[in-house]
Amino acid sequence: MAMTRSQFKKQLQLGLNTVAGLEYKPEKDPWRQYMAIETATRKAYIEDVMMSGFTAASVKAEGAAGGYVTASELYTARYLFETIVIQFAVTEEAEEDGLYGSIVNKLAKAAMRSMQYTKRVKAANVLNNGFNASYPGGDGVALFSTAHLGEGQVANMLSTAADLSETSLEDMLILVDNATDYKGIPMSIEAQKLVVPTALRFTGHRILHSNGRVETPNNDENAIKAMGLLPGGMVVDKQLTDTDAWFVTTDCPDGLKHVMRKALKKGVEGDFETGNMRMKFRERYANGHTDYHGAYGTAGGG
């Protein structure tokens, strides 16, 4: 249904000082700092297949035949593309009679903000839903679990949920250090970024940037800072909904992903019979994860 002059009464009269509310400073996209961005074409979805390697090599006795080992496909992670749309219409009369610039152009800026906000929410929901078994990954469990498919260290979350602190972050970094692949062989992955909601931004800053131990009388140095264990620093994402959940991303390939199917496209047209101006914004993408080693997290102690 088209918006009419009755919804823009003040903009049809002289004496108005300004039209506010549609030109706020653009928000940043924090998800771009902790998700890999890929592009796909010509499919309704894409799939990543996780392969297992081999176990440790064995000793062959003299004169005996060596044993054979096997590898296999473990699971498939599917990225199903969603179509994201916002559209509106303004009557020809409302557009003609507006005295303070094009109403359609003003609303186009609001539509763009809505599209960007939606993308930020959907990207952050990969972490927001990361403890929920109703959103399983390719191996059949939630993104953050102590029971992932594999041998050896199959957890990418703390066994006991903990609030963000120097000690709990150290425990999480040790968990990353002890990561093993799907056959139990140690992996050479390193923690990159601390990802937190706004409620933890000050705690995170103190932990990462204090020279000494945080909130203790000890004179020890801050080992996390001194050893450079989180080279990517901290990412604060306003769209994280749990105020005490926090996360650590790693340099593991094919971890958290944003896959773009169709880039944002804007269309505008006039209706011949009514004269209404119609505008549509559309894009297609999917968010998810393939290898759970790409992110570690805890729901916090609350």
C-alpha atoms as a PDB file:
ATOM      1  CA  MET A   1       0.000   0.000   0.000  1.00  0.00           C
ATOM      2  CA  ALA A   2       1.398   3.386  -0.970  1.00  0.00           C
ATOM      3  CA  MET A   3       2.129   6.063   1.600  1.00  0.00           C
ATOM      4  CA  THR A   4       0.014   9.150   1.008  1.00  0.00           C
ATOM      5  CA  ARG A   5       0.152  12.881   1.763  1.00  0.00           C
ATOM      6  CA  SER A   6      -1.648  12.232   5.059  1.00  0.00           C
ATOM      7  CA  GLN A   7       1.532  10.602   6.374  1.00  0.00           C
ATOM      8  CA  PHE A   8       3.715  13.585   5.473  1.00  0.00           C
ATOM      9  CA  LYS A   9       1.468  16.543   6.432  1.00  0.00           C
ATOM     10  CA  LYS A  10       4.193  18.777   7.845  1.00  0.00           C
ATOM     11  CA  GLN A  11       6.349  18.391   4.759  1.00  0.00           C
ATOM     12  CA  LEU A  12       3.552  19.838   2.647  1.00  0.00           C
ATOM     13  CA  GLN A  13       3.555  23.152   4.551  1.00  0.00           C
ATOM     14  CA  LEU A  14       5.907  26.116   4.622  1.00  0.00           C
ATOM     15  CA  GLY A  15       7.786  26.984   7.792  1.00  0.00           C
ATOM     16  CA  LEU A  16       9.274  23.591   8.661  1.00  0.00           C
ATOM     17  CA  ASN A  17      12.827  23.854  10.008  1.00  0.00           C
ATOM     18  CA  THR A  18      14.157  20.376   9.267  1.00  0.00           C
ATOM     19  CA  VAL A  19      13.198  16.760   8.586  1.00  0.00           C
ATOM     20  CA  ALA A  20      15.084  14.522  11.008  1.00  0.00           C
ATOM     21  CA  GLY A  21      15.389  10.835  11.829  1.00  0.00           C
ATOM     22  CA  LEU A  22      16.541   9.394   8.504  1.00  0.00           C
ATOM     23  CA  GLU A  23      20.164  10.486   8.222  1.00  0.00           C
ATOM     24  CA  TYR A  24      21.967   9.037  11.221  1.00  0.00           C
ATOM     25  CA  LYS A  25      25.642   8.216  10.992  1.00  0.00           C
ATOM     26  CA  PRO A  26      26.005   4.778   9.346  1.00  0.00           C
ATOM     27  CA  GLU A  27      26.693   1.919  11.753  1.00  0.00           C
ATOM     28  CA  LYS A  28      29.772  -0.219  11.285  1.00  0.00           C
ATOM     29  CA  ASP A  29      29.474  -3.891  10.349  1.00  0.00           C
ATOM     30  CA  PRO A  30      31.377  -5.724  13.117  1.00  0.00           C
ATOM     31  CA  TRP A  31      30.581  -9.126  11.602  1.00  0.00           C
ATOM     32  CA  ARG A  32      33.021  -8.329   8.790  1.00  0.00           C
ATOM     33  CA  GLN A  33      35.809  -8.551  11.356  1.00  0.00           C
ATOM     34  CA  TYR A  34      35.039 -12.080  12.520  1.00  0.00           C
ATOM     35  CA  MET A  35      33.417 -13.800   9.526  1.00  0.00           C
ATOM     36  CA  ALA A  36      35.032 -14.811   6.250  1.00  0.00           C
ATOM     37  CA  ILE A  37      33.217 -13.378   3.221  1.00  0.00           C
ATOM     38  CA  GLU A  38      32.684 -15.503   0.132  1.00  0.00           C
ATOM     39  CA  THR A  39      30.696 -15.144  -3.083  1.00  0.00           C
ATOM     40  CA  ALA A  40      28.643 -17.849  -4.783  1.00  0.00           C
ATOM     41  CA  THR A  41      26.626 -17.867  -8.010  1.00  0.00           C
ATOM     42  CA  ARG A  42      23.910 -19.858  -9.778  1.00  0.00           C
ATOM     43  CA  LYS A  43      22.744 -22.011  -6.873  1.00  0.00           C
ATOM     44  CA  ALA A  44      19.972 -21.969  -4.282  1.00  0.00           C
ATOM     45  CA  TYR A  45      22.503 -23.219  -1.733  1.00  0.00           C
ATOM     46  CA  ILE A  46      26.130 -24.301  -1.440  1.00  0.00           C
ATOM     47  CA  GLU A  47      27.668 -27.148   0.515  1.00  0.00           C
ATOM     48  CA  ASP A  48      31.056 -27.537   2.186  1.00  0.00           C
ATOM     49  CA  VAL A  49      32.276 -31.093   2.779  1.00  0.00           C
ATOM     50  CA  MET A  50      34.469 -31.761   5.809  1.00  0.00           C
ATOM     51  CA  MET A  51      37.126 -34.417   5.252  1.00  0.00           C
ATOM     52  CA  SER A  52      39.073 -36.404   7.823  1.00  0.00           C
ATOM     53  CA  GLY A  53      42.807 -36.890   7.478  1.00  0.00           C
ATOM     54  CA  PHE A  54      44.781 -39.806   8.842  1.00  0.00           C
ATOM     55  CA  THR A  55      45.740 -40.947  12.308  1.00  0.00           C
ATOM     56  CA  ALA A  56      49.354 -41.004  13.454  1.00  0.00           C
ATOM     57  CA  ALA A  57      51.699 -43.134  11.346  1.00  0.00           C
ATOM     58  CA  SER A  58      52.587 -46.612  12.580  1.00  0.00           C
ATOM     59  CA  VAL A  59      55.823 -48.563  12.880  1.00  0.00           C
ATOM     60  CA  LYS A  60      56.335 -51.282  10.268  1.00  0.00           C
ATOM     61  CA  ALA A  61      58.109 -54.404  11.430  1.00  0.00           C
ATOM     62  CA  GLU A  62      61.014 -55.594   9.331  1.00  0.00           C
ATOM     63  CA  GLY A  63      59.849 -57.818   6.500  1.00  0.00           C
ATOM     64  CA  ALA A  64      56.188 -57.181   7.262  1.00  0.00           C
ATOM     65  CA  ALA A  65      53.680 -55.318   5.174  1.00  0.00           C
ATOM     66  CA  GLY A  66      52.616 -51.867   6.291  1.00  0.00           C
ATOM     67  CA  GLY A  67      49.011 -51.309   7.316  1.00  0.00           C
ATOM     68  CA  TYR A  68      46.646 -49.142   5.327  1.00  0.00           C
ATOM     69  CA  VAL A  69      44.784 -46.174   6.716  1.00  0.00           C
ATOM     70  CA  THR A  70      41.578 -44.639   5.437  1.00  0.00           C
ATOM     71  CA  ALA A  71      40.109 -41.169   5.144  1.00  0.00           C
ATOM     72  CA  SER A  72      36.516 -40.215   4.473  1.00  0.00           C
ATOM     73  CA  GLU A  73      33.986 -37.439   4.170  1.00  0.00           C
ATOM     74  CA  LEU A  74      32.694 -36.623   7.652  1.00  0.00           C
ATOM     75  CA  TYR A  75      29.790 -34.249   7.161  1.00  0.00           C
ATOM     76  CA  THR A  76      28.339 -31.571   4.939  1.00  0.00           C
ATOM     77  CA  ALA A  77      27.632 -27.964   5.927  1.00  0.00           C
ATOM     78  CA  ARG A  78      24.880 -26.408   3.824  1.00  0.00           C
ATOM     79  CA  TYR A  79      24.438 -22.660   3.281  1.00  0.00           C
ATOM     80  CA  LEU A  80      20.873 -21.959   2.132  1.00  0.00           C
ATOM     81  CA  PHE A  81      20.504 -18.497   0.653  1.00  0.00           C
ATOM     82  CA  GLU A  82      17.793 -16.200   1.957  1.00  0.00           C
ATOM     83  CA  THR A  83      16.281 -13.367  -0.052  1.00  0.00           C
ATOM     84  CA  ILE A  84      16.167 -10.156   1.984  1.00  0.00           C
ATOM     85  CA  VAL A  85      13.816  -7.432   0.756  1.00  0.00           C
ATOM     86  CA  ILE A  86      12.419  -4.093   1.854  1.00  0.00           C
ATOM     87  CA  GLN A  87      10.098  -2.107  -0.419  1.00  0.00           C
ATOM     88  CA  PHE A  88       7.798   0.863  -0.205  1.00  0.00           C
ATOM     89  CA  ALA A  89       5.599   3.077  -2.339  1.00  0.00           C
ATOM     90  CA  VAL A  90       4.756   6.792  -2.216  1.00  0.00           C
ATOM     91  CA  THR A  91       1.871   8.388  -4.068  1.00  0.00           C
ATOM     92  CA  GLU A  92       2.625  10.700  -6.954  1.00  0.00           C
ATOM     93  CA  GLU A  93       0.839  13.535  -5.159  1.00  0.00           C
ATOM     94  CA  ALA A  94       2.902  13.144  -1.974  1.00  0.00           C
ATOM     95  CA  GLU A  95       6.115  13.211  -3.972  1.00  0.00           C
ATOM     96  CA  GLU A  96       4.991  16.241  -5.979  1.00  0.00           C
ATOM     97  CA  ASP A  97       3.707  18.274  -3.044  1.00  0.00           C
ATOM     98  CA  GLY A  98       6.624  17.743  -0.658  1.00  0.00           C
ATOM     99  CA  LEU A  99       8.328  21.103  -0.113  1.00  0.00           C
ATOM    100  CA  TYR A 100      11.552  19.845   1.483  1.00  0.00           C
ATOM    101  CA  GLY A 101      13.120  17.580  -1.069  1.00  0.00           C
ATOM    102  CA  SER A 102      12.125  14.210  -2.455  1.00  0.00           C
ATOM    103  CA  ILE A 103      10.238  12.073   0.053  1.00  0.00           C
ATOM    104  CA  VAL A 104      11.225   8.957  -1.892  1.00  0.00           C
ATOM    105  CA  ASN A 105      14.915   9.806  -1.609  1.00  0.00           C
ATOM    106  CA  LYS A 106      14.595  10.389   2.143  1.00  0.00           C
ATOM    107  CA  LEU A 107      12.876   7.048   2.630  1.00  0.00           C
ATOM    108  CA  ALA A 108      15.491   5.329   0.474  1.00  0.00           C
ATOM    109  CA  LYS A 109      18.085   6.198   3.120  1.00  0.00           C
ATOM    110  CA  ALA A 110      15.870   4.649   5.795  1.00  0.00           C
ATOM    111  CA  ALA A 111      15.455   1.519   3.673  1.00  0.00           C
ATOM    112  CA  MET A 112      19.211   1.220   3.257  1.00  0.00           C
ATOM    113  CA  ARG A 113      19.696   1.433   7.032  1.00  0.00           C
ATOM    114  CA  SER A 114      17.100  -1.319   7.494  1.00  0.00           C
ATOM    115  CA  MET A 115      18.879  -3.606   5.028  1.00  0.00           C
ATOM    116  CA  GLN A 116      22.246  -3.073   6.705  1.00  0.00           C
ATOM    117  CA  TYR A 117      20.759  -3.615  10.160  1.00  0.00           C
ATOM    118  CA  THR A 118      19.119  -6.859   9.049  1.00  0.00           C
ATOM    119  CA  LYS A 119      22.434  -8.140   7.717  1.00  0.00           C
ATOM    120  CA  ARG A 120      24.175  -7.317  10.995  1.00  0.00           C
ATOM    121  CA  VAL A 121      21.485  -9.164  12.984  1.00  0.00           C
ATOM    122  CA  LYS A 122      21.576 -12.252  10.776  1.00  0.00           C
ATOM    123  CA  ALA A 123      25.361 -12.443  10.908  1.00  0.00           C
ATOM    124  CA  ALA A 124      25.461 -12.059  14.700  1.00  0.00           C
ATOM    125  CA  ASN A 125      22.809 -14.765  15.043  1.00  0.00           C
ATOM    126  CA  VAL A 126      25.411 -17.357  14.071  1.00  0.00           C
ATOM    127  CA  LEU A 127      26.921 -16.630  17.496  1.00  0.00           C
ATOM    128  CA  ASN A 128      23.627 -15.843  19.251  1.00  0.00           C
ATOM    129  CA  ASN A 129      22.287 -19.283  18.280  1.00  0.00           C
ATOM    130  CA  GLY A 130      25.620 -20.992  18.775  1.00  0.00           C
ATOM    131  CA  PHE A 131      24.592 -22.745  22.009  1.00  0.00           C
ATOM    132  CA  ASN A 132      21.162 -23.791  20.745  1.00  0.00           C
ATOM    133  CA  ALA A 133      20.803 -27.405  19.599  1.00  0.00           C
ATOM    134  CA  SER A 134      17.945 -26.294  17.329  1.00  0.00           C
ATOM    135  CA  TYR A 135      20.608 -24.703  15.068  1.00  0.00           C
ATOM    136  CA  PRO A 136      23.019 -27.592  14.429  1.00  0.00           C
ATOM    137  CA  GLY A 137      26.063 -27.458  12.244  1.00  0.00           C
ATOM    138  CA  GLY A 138      27.092 -30.105   9.759  1.00  0.00           C
ATOM    139  CA  ASP A 139      28.188 -32.519  12.498  1.00  0.00           C
ATOM    140  CA  GLY A 140      24.736 -32.463  14.085  1.00  0.00           C
ATOM    141  CA  VAL A 141      25.433 -30.387  17.202  1.00  0.00           C
ATOM    142  CA  ALA A 142      25.363 -26.677  17.994  1.00  0.00           C
ATOM    143  CA  LEU A 143      28.281 -24.502  16.928  1.00  0.00           C
ATOM    144  CA  PHE A 144      29.577 -24.424  20.510  1.00  0.00           C
ATOM    145  CA  SER A 145      29.641 -27.865  22.083  1.00  0.00           C
ATOM    146  CA  THR A 146      31.734 -30.291  24.128  1.00  0.00           C
ATOM    147  CA  ALA A 147      30.608 -33.198  21.937  1.00  0.00           C
ATOM    148  CA  HIS A 148      31.665 -32.363  18.391  1.00  0.00           C
ATOM    149  CA  LEU A 149      32.429 -35.078  15.883  1.00  0.00           C
ATOM    150  CA  GLY A 150      36.052 -36.200  16.056  1.00  0.00           C
ATOM    151  CA  GLU A 151      38.700 -37.784  18.202  1.00  0.00           C
ATOM    152  CA  GLY A 152      40.730 -36.188  20.976  1.00  0.00           C
ATOM    153  CA  GLN A 153      39.731 -32.638  21.908  1.00  0.00           C
ATOM    154  CA  VAL A 154      36.201 -32.228  20.534  1.00  0.00           C
ATOM    155  CA  ALA A 155      35.124 -29.188  22.586  1.00  0.00           C
ATOM    156  CA  ASN A 156      35.099 -25.576  21.455  1.00  0.00           C
ATOM    157  CA  MET A 157      33.437 -24.237  24.595  1.00  0.00           C
ATOM    158  CA  LEU A 158      34.443 -24.158  28.232  1.00  0.00           C
ATOM    159  CA  SER A 159      33.229 -27.226  30.122  1.00  0.00           C
ATOM    160  CA  THR A 160      31.864 -24.863  32.783  1.00  0.00           C
ATOM    161  CA  ALA A 161      30.363 -21.625  31.501  1.00  0.00           C
ATOM    162  CA  ALA A 162      32.223 -18.599  32.838  1.00  0.00           C
ATOM    163  CA  ASP A 163      31.958 -14.838  32.753  1.00  0.00           C
ATOM    164  CA  LEU A 164      34.676 -12.961  30.909  1.00  0.00           C
ATOM    165  CA  SER A 165      37.768 -12.559  33.072  1.00  0.00           C
ATOM    166  CA  GLU A 166      41.508 -12.857  32.693  1.00  0.00           C
ATOM    167  CA  THR A 167      41.380 -16.413  34.045  1.00  0.00           C
ATOM    168  CA  SER A 168      38.465 -17.604  31.873  1.00  0.00           C
ATOM    169  CA  LEU A 169      40.003 -16.064  28.757  1.00  0.00           C
ATOM    170  CA  GLU A 170      43.267 -17.868  29.514  1.00  0.00           C
ATOM    171  CA  ASP A 171      41.295 -21.122  29.854  1.00  0.00           C
ATOM    172  CA  MET A 172      39.687 -20.481  26.469  1.00  0.00           C
ATOM    173  CA  LEU A 173      43.056 -19.793  24.838  1.00  0.00           C
ATOM    174  CA  ILE A 174      44.418 -23.043  26.313  1.00  0.00           C
ATOM    175  CA  LEU A 175      41.431 -24.832  24.769  1.00  0.00           C
ATOM    176  CA  VAL A 176      42.397 -23.359  21.391  1.00  0.00           C
ATOM    177  CA  ASP A 177      46.023 -24.434  21.905  1.00  0.00           C
ATOM    178  CA  ASN A 178      44.892 -28.018  22.599  1.00  0.00           C
ATOM    179  CA  ALA A 179      42.708 -28.286  19.476  1.00  0.00           C
ATOM    180  CA  THR A 180      42.963 -31.534  17.534  1.00  0.00           C
ATOM    181  CA  ASP A 181      41.687 -32.445  14.089  1.00  0.00           C
ATOM    182  CA  TYR A 182      39.025 -35.044  13.377  1.00  0.00           C
ATOM    183  CA  LYS A 183      41.564 -37.852  13.768  1.00  0.00           C
ATOM    184  CA  GLY A 184      43.008 -36.528  17.015  1.00  0.00           C
ATOM    185  CA  ILE A 185      46.187 -34.954  15.618  1.00  0.00           C
ATOM    186  CA  PRO A 186      47.072 -31.581  17.179  1.00  0.00           C
ATOM    187  CA  MET A 187      46.158 -28.579  15.021  1.00  0.00           C
ATOM    188  CA  SER A 188      48.246 -25.482  14.488  1.00  0.00           C
ATOM    189  CA  ILE A 189      45.513 -22.884  14.894  1.00  0.00           C
ATOM    190  CA  GLU A 190      45.799 -19.620  16.772  1.00  0.00           C
ATOM    191  CA  ALA A 191      43.258 -17.361  18.452  1.00  0.00           C
ATOM    192  CA  GLN A 192      42.684 -14.091  16.590  1.00  0.00           C
ATOM    193  CA  LYS A 193      39.902 -11.944  18.058  1.00  0.00           C
ATOM    194  CA  LEU A 194      37.834 -11.587  21.195  1.00  0.00           C
ATOM    195  CA  VAL A 195      34.176 -10.965  20.246  1.00  0.00           C
ATOM    196  CA  VAL A 196      31.922  -9.466  22.922  1.00  0.00           C
ATOM    197  CA  PRO A 197      28.563  -7.713  23.373  1.00  0.00           C
ATOM    198  CA  THR A 198      28.523  -4.053  24.410  1.00  0.00           C
ATOM    199  CA  ALA A 199      28.114  -4.990  28.085  1.00  0.00           C
ATOM    200  CA  LEU A 200      31.600  -6.551  28.085  1.00  0.00           C
ATOM    201  CA  ARG A 201      33.526  -3.989  26.072  1.00  0.00           C
ATOM    202  CA  PHE A 202      35.147  -2.368  29.123  1.00  0.00           C
ATOM    203  CA  THR A 203      36.032  -5.684  30.760  1.00  0.00           C
ATOM    204  CA  GLY A 204      37.511  -6.885  27.488  1.00  0.00           C
ATOM    205  CA  HIS A 205      39.542  -3.718  27.036  1.00  0.00           C
ATOM    206  CA  ARG A 206      41.055  -3.981  30.493  1.00  0.00           C
ATOM    207  CA  ILE A 207      41.977  -7.636  29.968  1.00  0.00           C
ATOM    208  CA  LEU A 208      43.623  -7.030  26.595  1.00  0.00           C
ATOM    209  CA  HIS A 209      45.381  -3.745  27.304  1.00  0.00           C
ATOM    210  CA  SER A 210      46.410  -3.686  30.965  1.00  0.00           C
ATOM    211  CA  ASN A 211      50.149  -4.149  31.456  1.00  0.00           C
ATOM    212  CA  GLY A 212      49.678  -6.032  34.728  1.00  0.00           C
ATOM    213  CA  ARG A 213      47.251  -8.643  35.980  1.00  0.00           C
ATOM    214  CA  VAL A 214      43.646  -7.419  35.889  1.00  0.00           C
ATOM    215  CA  GLU A 215      41.839  -6.641  39.165  1.00  0.00           C
ATOM    216  CA  THR A 216      44.459  -8.286  41.378  1.00  0.00           C
ATOM    217  CA  PRO A 217      47.110  -6.851  43.734  1.00  0.00           C
ATOM    218  CA  ASN A 218      49.741  -9.031  42.047  1.00  0.00           C
ATOM    219  CA  ASN A 219      52.607  -7.428  40.178  1.00  0.00           C
ATOM    220  CA  ASP A 220      52.677 -10.052  37.411  1.00  0.00           C
ATOM    221  CA  GLU A 221      52.549  -8.944  33.809  1.00  0.00           C
ATOM    222  CA  ASN A 222      49.468  -9.452  31.681  1.00  0.00           C
ATOM    223  CA  ALA A 223      50.455 -12.663  29.876  1.00  0.00           C
ATOM    224  CA  ILE A 224      47.754 -12.366  27.200  1.00  0.00           C
ATOM    225  CA  LYS A 225      49.004  -8.937  26.160  1.00  0.00           C
ATOM    226  CA  ALA A 226      52.695  -9.716  26.588  1.00  0.00           C
ATOM    227  CA  MET A 227      52.487 -12.872  24.463  1.00  0.00           C
ATOM    228  CA  GLY A 228      50.333 -11.241  21.769  1.00  0.00           C
ATOM    229  CA  LEU A 229      47.777 -14.036  21.962  1.00  0.00           C
ATOM    230  CA  LEU A 230      44.886 -12.115  20.411  1.00  0.00           C
ATOM    231  CA  PRO A 231      46.526 -10.156  17.567  1.00  0.00           C
ATOM    232  CA  GLY A 232      43.170  -9.104  16.106  1.00  0.00           C
ATOM    233  CA  GLY A 233      42.141  -7.393  19.341  1.00  0.00           C
ATOM    234  CA  MET A 234      38.508  -7.086  20.367  1.00  0.00           C
ATOM    235  CA  VAL A 235      35.332  -6.787  18.295  1.00  0.00           C
ATOM    236  CA  VAL A 236      32.242  -5.308  19.945  1.00  0.00           C
ATOM    237  CA  ASP A 237      29.005  -6.376  18.268  1.00  0.00           C
ATOM    238  CA  LYS A 238      25.812  -4.588  19.327  1.00  0.00           C
ATOM    239  CA  GLN A 239      23.710  -7.388  17.860  1.00  0.00           C
ATOM    240  CA  LEU A 240      24.947 -10.003  20.331  1.00  0.00           C
ATOM    241  CA  THR A 241      21.925 -10.594  22.535  1.00  0.00           C
ATOM    242  CA  ASP A 242      23.392 -12.383  25.567  1.00  0.00           C
ATOM    243  CA  THR A 243      25.092  -9.784  27.751  1.00  0.00           C
ATOM    244  CA  ASP A 244      27.555 -12.243  29.318  1.00  0.00           C
ATOM    245  CA  ALA A 245      28.307 -14.613  26.427  1.00  0.00           C
ATOM    246  CA  TRP A 246      31.670 -14.084  24.729  1.00  0.00           C
ATOM    247  CA  PHE A 247      33.676 -15.662  21.941  1.00  0.00           C
ATOM    248  CA  VAL A 248      37.155 -16.163  20.513  1.00  0.00           C
ATOM    249  CA  THR A 249      37.723 -16.629  16.777  1.00  0.00           C
ATOM    250  CA  THR A 250      40.696 -18.446  15.277  1.00  0.00           C
ATOM    251  CA  ASP A 251      42.562 -18.595  11.987  1.00  0.00           C
ATOM    252  CA  CYS A 252      41.092 -22.022  11.167  1.00  0.00           C
ATOM    253  CA  PRO A 253      40.021 -22.086   7.505  1.00  0.00           C
ATOM    254  CA  ASP A 254      36.308 -22.390   6.734  1.00  0.00           C
ATOM    255  CA  GLY A 255      35.071 -21.365  10.163  1.00  0.00           C
ATOM    256  CA  LEU A 256      32.425 -18.622  10.397  1.00  0.00           C
ATOM    257  CA  LYS A 257      31.206 -17.552   6.965  1.00  0.00           C
ATOM    258  CA  HIS A 258      29.039 -14.978   5.217  1.00  0.00           C
ATOM    259  CA  VAL A 259      28.310 -16.139   1.672  1.00  0.00           C
ATOM    260  CA  MET A 260      26.942 -13.562  -0.752  1.00  0.00           C
ATOM    261  CA  ARG A 261      24.665 -14.817  -3.526  1.00  0.00           C
ATOM    262  CA  LYS A 262      23.369 -11.483  -4.891  1.00  0.00           C
ATOM    263  CA  ALA A 263      24.747  -8.107  -3.867  1.00  0.00           C
ATOM    264  CA  LEU A 264      22.406  -5.350  -2.714  1.00  0.00           C
ATOM    265  CA  LYS A 265      20.372  -4.004  -5.616  1.00  0.00           C
ATOM    266  CA  LYS A 266      18.062  -0.994  -5.660  1.00  0.00           C
ATOM    267  CA  GLY A 267      15.154  -0.634  -8.063  1.00  0.00           C
ATOM    268  CA  VAL A 268      12.715   2.244  -8.521  1.00  0.00           C
ATOM    269  CA  GLU A 269       9.776   2.575 -10.881  1.00  0.00           C
ATOM    270  CA  GLY A 270       6.612   4.536 -11.386  1.00  0.00           C
ATOM    271  CA  ASP A 271       3.245   2.847 -11.771  1.00  0.00           C
ATOM    272  CA  PHE A 272       1.585   3.942 -15.024  1.00  0.00           C
ATOM    273  CA  GLU A 273      -2.007   3.935 -13.741  1.00  0.00           C
ATOM    274  CA  THR A 274      -1.605   5.390 -10.232  1.00  0.00           C
ATOM    275  CA  GLY A 275       1.604   7.350 -10.647  1.00  0.00           C
ATOM    276  CA  ASN A 276       2.872   5.868  -7.370  1.00  0.00           C
ATOM    277  CA  MET A 277       6.643   5.708  -6.984  1.00  0.00           C
ATOM    278  CA  ARG A 278       7.767   2.265  -5.866  1.00  0.00           C
ATOM    279  CA  MET A 279      11.220   1.403  -4.537  1.00  0.00           C
ATOM    280  CA  LYS A 280      12.687  -1.991  -3.698  1.00  0.00           C
ATOM    281  CA  PHE A 281      15.946  -3.084  -2.073  1.00  0.00           C
ATOM    282  CA  ARG A 282      16.964  -6.729  -2.439  1.00  0.00           C
ATOM    283  CA  GLU A 283      19.917  -8.999  -1.725  1.00  0.00           C
ATOM    284  CA  ARG A 284      20.588 -12.700  -1.105  1.00  0.00           C
ATOM    285  CA  TYR A 285      23.069 -14.247   1.309  1.00  0.00           C
ATOM    286  CA  ALA A 286      23.618 -16.950   3.906  1.00  0.00           C
ATOM    287  CA  ASN A 287      25.521 -17.099   7.194  1.00  0.00           C
ATOM    288  CA  GLY A 288      26.866 -20.107   9.033  1.00  0.00           C
ATOM    289  CA  HIS A 289      29.915 -22.179   9.866  1.00  0.00           C
ATOM    290  CA  THR A 290      31.683 -25.188   8.400  1.00  0.00           C
ATOM    291  CA  ASP A 291      34.563 -26.116  10.738  1.00  0.00           C
ATOM    292  CA  TYR A 292      33.739 -25.562  14.409  1.00  0.00           C
ATOM    293  CA  HIS A 293      37.408 -24.905  15.145  1.00  0.00           C
ATOM    294  CA  GLY A 294      36.876 -21.433  13.697  1.00  0.00           C
ATOM    295  CA  ALA A 295      35.213 -20.134  16.851  1.00  0.00           C
ATOM    296  CA  TYR A 296      35.220 -20.889  20.570  1.00  0.00           C
ATOM    297  CA  GLY A 297      32.687 -19.557  23.059  1.00  0.00           C
ATOM    298  CA  THR A 298      30.941 -19.674  26.381  1.00  0.00           C
ATOM    299  CA  ALA A 299      27.468 -18.590  27.395  1.00  0.00           C
ATOM    300  CA  GLY A 300      28.864 -16.828  30.477  1.00  0.00           C
ATOM    301  CA  GLY A 301      28.267 -17.516  34.138  1.00  0.00           C
ATOM    302  CA  GLY A 302      24.916 -15.728  34.310  1.00  0.00           C
END
